[in-house]
């Protein structure tokens, strides 16, 4: 969750509005994106657009590593609800450009 707070891009989120239930490593979190702001708190949420349950490394793989939802699901990540919302959520965390190597 810390990387999501750190890497969140309000510009990428734009006018998105969504709620997510994230149970990662057995710990429930509720995430909400509204008007370019991300709020993540420990706790459950009853009505979310999408729910994700499983290994946090699989969600990180989708967000940062290009892992497909299909492959994440095959590896055991539970996803229910609006998968398009999850895919959009995953675009809100762009990685910075790599620095050029110097000799």
N, C-alpha and C. Protein backbone atom coordinates (compact mmCIF):
# COMPACT_ATOMS: atom_id res chain seq x y z
N UNK A 1 0.82 -1.18 0.00
CA UNK A 1 0.00 0.00 0.00
C UNK A 1 0.86 1.25 0.00
N UNK A 2 2.02 1.15 0.62
CA UNK A 2 2.92 2.30 0.66
C UNK A 2 3.34 2.71 -0.75
N UNK A 3 3.63 1.73 -1.61
CA UNK A 3 4.04 2.11 -2.96
C UNK A 3 2.89 2.77 -3.71
N UNK A 4 1.65 2.36 -3.44
CA UNK A 4 0.53 3.01 -4.10
C UNK A 4 0.42 4.46 -3.65
N UNK A 5 0.59 4.71 -2.37
CA UNK A 5 0.52 6.10 -1.88
C UNK A 5 1.65 6.94 -2.48
N UNK A 6 2.82 6.33 -2.62
CA UNK A 6 3.99 7.04 -3.12
C UNK A 6 3.91 7.29 -4.62
N UNK A 7 3.48 6.29 -5.37
CA UNK A 7 3.54 6.35 -6.83
C UNK A 7 2.26 6.89 -7.48
N UNK A 8 1.22 7.14 -6.70
CA UNK A 8 -0.05 7.59 -7.26
C UNK A 8 0.13 8.89 -8.04
N UNK A 9 -0.46 8.93 -9.23
CA UNK A 9 -0.41 10.11 -10.08
C UNK A 9 -1.82 10.67 -10.24
N UNK A 10 -2.05 11.83 -9.66
CA UNK A 10 -3.35 12.49 -9.80
C UNK A 10 -3.65 12.78 -11.26
N UNK A 11 -2.63 13.11 -12.03
CA UNK A 11 -2.83 13.37 -13.45
C UNK A 11 -3.30 12.12 -14.18
N UNK A 12 -2.72 10.98 -13.83
CA UNK A 12 -3.14 9.72 -14.46
C UNK A 12 -4.57 9.36 -14.07
N UNK A 13 -4.92 9.63 -12.83
CA UNK A 13 -6.27 9.29 -12.35
C UNK A 13 -7.33 10.20 -12.94
N UNK A 14 -6.96 11.44 -13.19
CA UNK A 14 -7.91 12.38 -13.79
C UNK A 14 -9.19 12.46 -12.99
N UNK A 15 -10.31 12.26 -13.66
CA UNK A 15 -11.61 12.38 -13.02
C UNK A 15 -12.18 11.03 -12.58
N UNK A 16 -11.33 10.02 -12.50
CA UNK A 16 -11.79 8.68 -12.11
C UNK A 16 -12.43 8.70 -10.73
N UNK A 17 -13.48 7.89 -10.60
CA UNK A 17 -14.14 7.71 -9.31
C UNK A 17 -14.40 6.22 -9.16
N UNK A 18 -13.77 5.62 -8.15
CA UNK A 18 -13.94 4.18 -7.95
C UNK A 18 -13.58 3.81 -6.52
N UNK A 19 -14.13 2.69 -6.09
CA UNK A 19 -13.78 2.12 -4.80
C UNK A 19 -13.33 0.69 -5.02
N UNK A 20 -12.33 0.29 -4.23
CA UNK A 20 -11.78 -1.05 -4.35
C UNK A 20 -11.66 -1.68 -2.97
N UNK A 21 -11.94 -2.95 -2.92
CA UNK A 21 -11.69 -3.76 -1.73
C UNK A 21 -10.43 -4.56 -2.02
N UNK A 22 -9.38 -4.33 -1.24
CA UNK A 22 -8.11 -5.01 -1.45
C UNK A 22 -7.78 -5.82 -0.20
N UNK A 23 -7.88 -7.12 -0.30
CA UNK A 23 -7.49 -8.01 0.80
C UNK A 23 -6.20 -8.67 0.36
N UNK A 24 -5.09 -8.12 0.81
CA UNK A 24 -3.78 -8.56 0.35
C UNK A 24 -2.98 -9.11 1.52
N UNK A 25 -2.54 -10.34 1.36
CA UNK A 25 -1.84 -10.99 2.46
C UNK A 25 -2.73 -11.15 3.68
N UNK A 26 -4.03 -11.25 3.45
CA UNK A 26 -4.99 -11.43 4.54
C UNK A 26 -5.42 -10.15 5.23
N UNK A 27 -4.84 -9.01 4.88
CA UNK A 27 -5.17 -7.74 5.52
C UNK A 27 -6.10 -6.92 4.62
N UNK A 28 -7.32 -6.61 5.09
CA UNK A 28 -8.25 -5.86 4.25
C UNK A 28 -7.96 -4.36 4.22
N UNK A 29 -8.07 -3.80 3.03
CA UNK A 29 -7.95 -2.36 2.83
C UNK A 29 -9.09 -1.90 1.96
N UNK A 30 -9.52 -0.69 2.16
CA UNK A 30 -10.46 -0.06 1.26
C UNK A 30 -9.72 1.09 0.57
N UNK A 31 -9.86 1.13 -0.72
CA UNK A 31 -9.22 2.16 -1.51
C UNK A 31 -10.29 2.93 -2.27
N UNK A 32 -10.11 4.25 -2.31
CA UNK A 32 -11.06 5.09 -3.02
C UNK A 32 -10.28 6.13 -3.82
N UNK A 33 -10.68 6.29 -5.06
CA UNK A 33 -10.12 7.33 -5.91
C UNK A 33 -11.25 8.28 -6.26
N UNK A 34 -11.06 9.55 -5.94
CA UNK A 34 -12.06 10.59 -6.22
C UNK A 34 -11.33 11.88 -6.59
N UNK A 35 -11.66 12.40 -7.76
CA UNK A 35 -11.13 13.71 -8.18
C UNK A 35 -9.62 13.84 -8.01
N UNK A 36 -8.89 12.83 -8.45
CA UNK A 36 -7.43 12.90 -8.42
C UNK A 36 -6.81 12.65 -7.06
N UNK A 37 -7.58 12.12 -6.12
CA UNK A 37 -7.06 11.84 -4.78
C UNK A 37 -7.26 10.35 -4.48
N UNK A 38 -6.20 9.73 -3.97
CA UNK A 38 -6.26 8.33 -3.55
C UNK A 38 -6.29 8.28 -2.03
N UNK A 39 -7.25 7.56 -1.50
CA UNK A 39 -7.35 7.33 -0.07
C UNK A 39 -7.37 5.83 0.15
N UNK A 40 -6.41 5.33 0.91
CA UNK A 40 -6.36 3.90 1.25
C UNK A 40 -6.31 3.79 2.77
N UNK A 41 -7.20 2.97 3.30
CA UNK A 41 -7.26 2.76 4.75
C UNK A 41 -7.40 1.28 5.04
N UNK A 42 -6.90 0.87 6.18
CA UNK A 42 -7.12 -0.50 6.63
C UNK A 42 -8.59 -0.64 7.00
N UNK A 43 -9.19 -1.71 6.56
CA UNK A 43 -10.58 -1.97 6.87
C UNK A 43 -11.32 -2.53 5.67
N UNK A 44 -12.50 -2.99 5.94
CA UNK A 44 -13.33 -3.59 4.91
C UNK A 44 -14.27 -2.57 4.31
N UNK A 45 -14.74 -2.87 3.12
CA UNK A 45 -15.72 -2.04 2.45
C UNK A 45 -16.80 -2.97 1.90
N UNK A 46 -18.04 -2.59 2.09
CA UNK A 46 -19.15 -3.45 1.67
C UNK A 46 -19.41 -3.39 0.17
N UNK A 47 -19.50 -2.21 -0.36
CA UNK A 47 -19.84 -2.05 -1.78
C UNK A 47 -18.68 -1.41 -2.50
N UNK A 48 -17.97 -2.22 -3.28
CA UNK A 48 -16.85 -1.68 -4.04
C UNK A 48 -17.08 -1.99 -5.52
N UNK A 49 -16.38 -1.26 -6.36
CA UNK A 49 -16.46 -1.52 -7.79
C UNK A 49 -15.77 -2.83 -8.15
N UNK A 50 -14.69 -3.12 -7.44
CA UNK A 50 -13.93 -4.33 -7.70
C UNK A 50 -13.28 -4.79 -6.40
N UNK A 51 -13.14 -6.10 -6.27
CA UNK A 51 -12.49 -6.69 -5.10
C UNK A 51 -11.31 -7.53 -5.56
N UNK A 52 -10.21 -7.40 -4.82
CA UNK A 52 -9.00 -8.16 -5.11
C UNK A 52 -8.59 -8.85 -3.82
N UNK A 53 -8.25 -10.14 -3.92
CA UNK A 53 -7.92 -10.92 -2.73
C UNK A 53 -6.77 -11.86 -3.07
N UNK A 54 -5.68 -11.75 -2.31
CA UNK A 54 -4.57 -12.68 -2.53
C UNK A 54 -3.22 -12.08 -2.22
N UNK A 55 -2.24 -12.58 -2.92
CA UNK A 55 -0.84 -12.21 -2.73
C UNK A 55 -0.61 -10.78 -3.24
N UNK A 56 -0.10 -9.88 -2.39
CA UNK A 56 0.13 -8.51 -2.83
C UNK A 56 1.14 -8.42 -3.97
N UNK A 57 2.04 -9.40 -4.07
CA UNK A 57 3.01 -9.37 -5.16
C UNK A 57 2.35 -9.55 -6.52
N UNK A 58 1.24 -10.26 -6.55
CA UNK A 58 0.52 -10.43 -7.82
C UNK A 58 -0.12 -9.11 -8.25
N UNK A 59 -0.71 -8.37 -7.31
CA UNK A 59 -1.27 -7.07 -7.66
C UNK A 59 -0.15 -6.12 -8.09
N UNK A 60 0.96 -6.15 -7.38
CA UNK A 60 2.11 -5.31 -7.76
C UNK A 60 2.61 -5.70 -9.15
N UNK A 61 2.55 -6.98 -9.48
CA UNK A 61 2.96 -7.42 -10.80
C UNK A 61 2.08 -6.85 -11.90
N UNK A 62 0.79 -6.71 -11.62
CA UNK A 62 -0.12 -6.10 -12.59
C UNK A 62 0.21 -4.61 -12.72
N UNK A 63 0.35 -3.94 -11.59
CA UNK A 63 0.55 -2.49 -11.58
C UNK A 63 1.91 -2.10 -12.15
N UNK A 64 2.97 -2.76 -11.71
CA UNK A 64 4.33 -2.33 -12.06
C UNK A 64 5.06 -3.23 -13.04
N UNK A 65 4.60 -4.47 -13.20
CA UNK A 65 5.38 -5.41 -13.99
C UNK A 65 4.73 -5.89 -15.26
N UNK A 66 3.55 -5.40 -15.57
CA UNK A 66 2.91 -5.80 -16.81
C UNK A 66 2.25 -7.17 -16.78
N UNK A 67 2.05 -7.74 -15.58
CA UNK A 67 1.37 -9.02 -15.45
C UNK A 67 -0.08 -8.85 -15.87
N UNK A 68 -0.58 -9.78 -16.66
CA UNK A 68 -1.97 -9.68 -17.10
C UNK A 68 -2.91 -10.15 -15.99
N UNK A 69 -4.16 -9.68 -16.05
CA UNK A 69 -5.15 -10.15 -15.09
C UNK A 69 -5.32 -11.66 -15.21
N UNK A 70 -5.32 -12.15 -16.41
CA UNK A 70 -5.47 -13.59 -16.63
C UNK A 70 -4.38 -14.38 -15.92
N UNK A 71 -3.13 -13.94 -16.09
CA UNK A 71 -2.01 -14.65 -15.45
C UNK A 71 -2.06 -14.49 -13.93
N UNK A 72 -2.44 -13.32 -13.45
CA UNK A 72 -2.55 -13.10 -12.01
C UNK A 72 -3.64 -14.00 -11.42
N UNK A 73 -4.75 -14.11 -12.12
CA UNK A 73 -5.83 -14.99 -11.67
C UNK A 73 -5.39 -16.45 -11.68
N UNK A 74 -4.66 -16.84 -12.70
CA UNK A 74 -4.15 -18.21 -12.78
C UNK A 74 -3.19 -18.52 -11.64
N UNK A 75 -2.49 -17.49 -11.17
CA UNK A 75 -1.53 -17.65 -10.07
C UNK A 75 -2.20 -17.58 -8.71
N UNK A 76 -3.53 -17.35 -8.71
CA UNK A 76 -4.26 -17.38 -7.44
C UNK A 76 -4.85 -16.08 -6.96
N UNK A 77 -4.71 -14.99 -7.71
CA UNK A 77 -5.29 -13.72 -7.28
C UNK A 77 -6.78 -13.74 -7.57
N UNK A 78 -7.57 -13.49 -6.54
CA UNK A 78 -9.02 -13.42 -6.71
C UNK A 78 -9.44 -12.03 -7.13
N UNK A 79 -10.18 -11.95 -8.20
CA UNK A 79 -10.68 -10.66 -8.69
C UNK A 79 -12.16 -10.82 -8.98
N UNK A 80 -12.97 -9.96 -8.37
CA UNK A 80 -14.40 -9.99 -8.66
C UNK A 80 -14.90 -8.57 -8.82
N UNK A 81 -15.90 -8.42 -9.64
CA UNK A 81 -16.44 -7.10 -9.91
C UNK A 81 -15.95 -6.57 -11.24
N UNK A 82 -15.80 -5.27 -11.31
CA UNK A 82 -15.48 -4.57 -12.56
C UNK A 82 -13.98 -4.65 -12.86
N UNK A 83 -13.59 -5.61 -13.69
CA UNK A 83 -12.17 -5.78 -14.02
C UNK A 83 -11.63 -4.59 -14.80
N UNK A 84 -12.49 -3.92 -15.58
CA UNK A 84 -12.04 -2.72 -16.30
C UNK A 84 -11.65 -1.61 -15.31
N UNK A 85 -12.39 -1.50 -14.21
CA UNK A 85 -12.03 -0.52 -13.18
C UNK A 85 -10.67 -0.86 -12.58
N UNK A 86 -10.41 -2.14 -12.35
CA UNK A 86 -9.11 -2.54 -11.81
C UNK A 86 -8.00 -2.22 -12.81
N UNK A 87 -8.22 -2.51 -14.07
CA UNK A 87 -7.20 -2.20 -15.07
C UNK A 87 -6.94 -0.70 -15.13
N UNK A 88 -7.98 0.10 -15.03
CA UNK A 88 -7.80 1.56 -15.02
C UNK A 88 -7.04 1.99 -13.77
N UNK A 89 -7.42 1.44 -12.61
CA UNK A 89 -6.72 1.74 -11.35
C UNK A 89 -5.23 1.48 -11.49
N UNK A 90 -4.89 0.39 -12.15
CA UNK A 90 -3.49 0.01 -12.29
C UNK A 90 -2.67 1.00 -13.13
N UNK A 91 -3.33 1.87 -13.87
CA UNK A 91 -2.62 2.87 -14.67
C UNK A 91 -2.32 4.15 -13.89
N UNK A 92 -2.77 4.21 -12.65
CA UNK A 92 -2.60 5.43 -11.85
C UNK A 92 -1.24 5.50 -11.15
N UNK A 93 -0.36 4.54 -11.42
CA UNK A 93 0.91 4.44 -10.69
C UNK A 93 2.08 4.30 -11.66
N UNK A 94 2.34 5.32 -12.46
CA UNK A 94 3.42 5.22 -13.45
C UNK A 94 4.80 5.19 -12.77
N UNK A 95 5.65 4.37 -13.32
CA UNK A 95 7.02 4.33 -12.82
C UNK A 95 7.80 5.48 -13.43
N UNK A 96 8.76 6.03 -12.69
CA UNK A 96 9.57 7.11 -13.26
C UNK A 96 10.47 6.56 -14.37
N UNK A 97 10.87 7.44 -15.25
CA UNK A 97 11.79 7.06 -16.33
C UNK A 97 13.10 6.60 -15.71
N UNK A 98 13.71 5.61 -16.34
CA UNK A 98 14.99 5.12 -15.84
C UNK A 98 16.08 6.13 -16.13
N UNK A 99 16.96 6.29 -15.17
CA UNK A 99 18.10 7.18 -15.36
C UNK A 99 19.10 6.51 -16.28
N UNK A 100 19.79 7.31 -17.08
CA UNK A 100 20.81 6.75 -17.95
C UNK A 100 22.03 6.37 -17.13
N UNK A 101 22.64 5.26 -17.52
CA UNK A 101 23.85 4.81 -16.83
C UNK A 101 25.02 5.72 -17.23
N UNK A 102 25.86 6.02 -16.27
CA UNK A 102 27.06 6.82 -16.56
C UNK A 102 28.29 5.99 -16.26
N UNK A 103 29.32 6.24 -17.01
CA UNK A 103 30.56 5.46 -16.83
C UNK A 103 31.56 6.21 -16.03
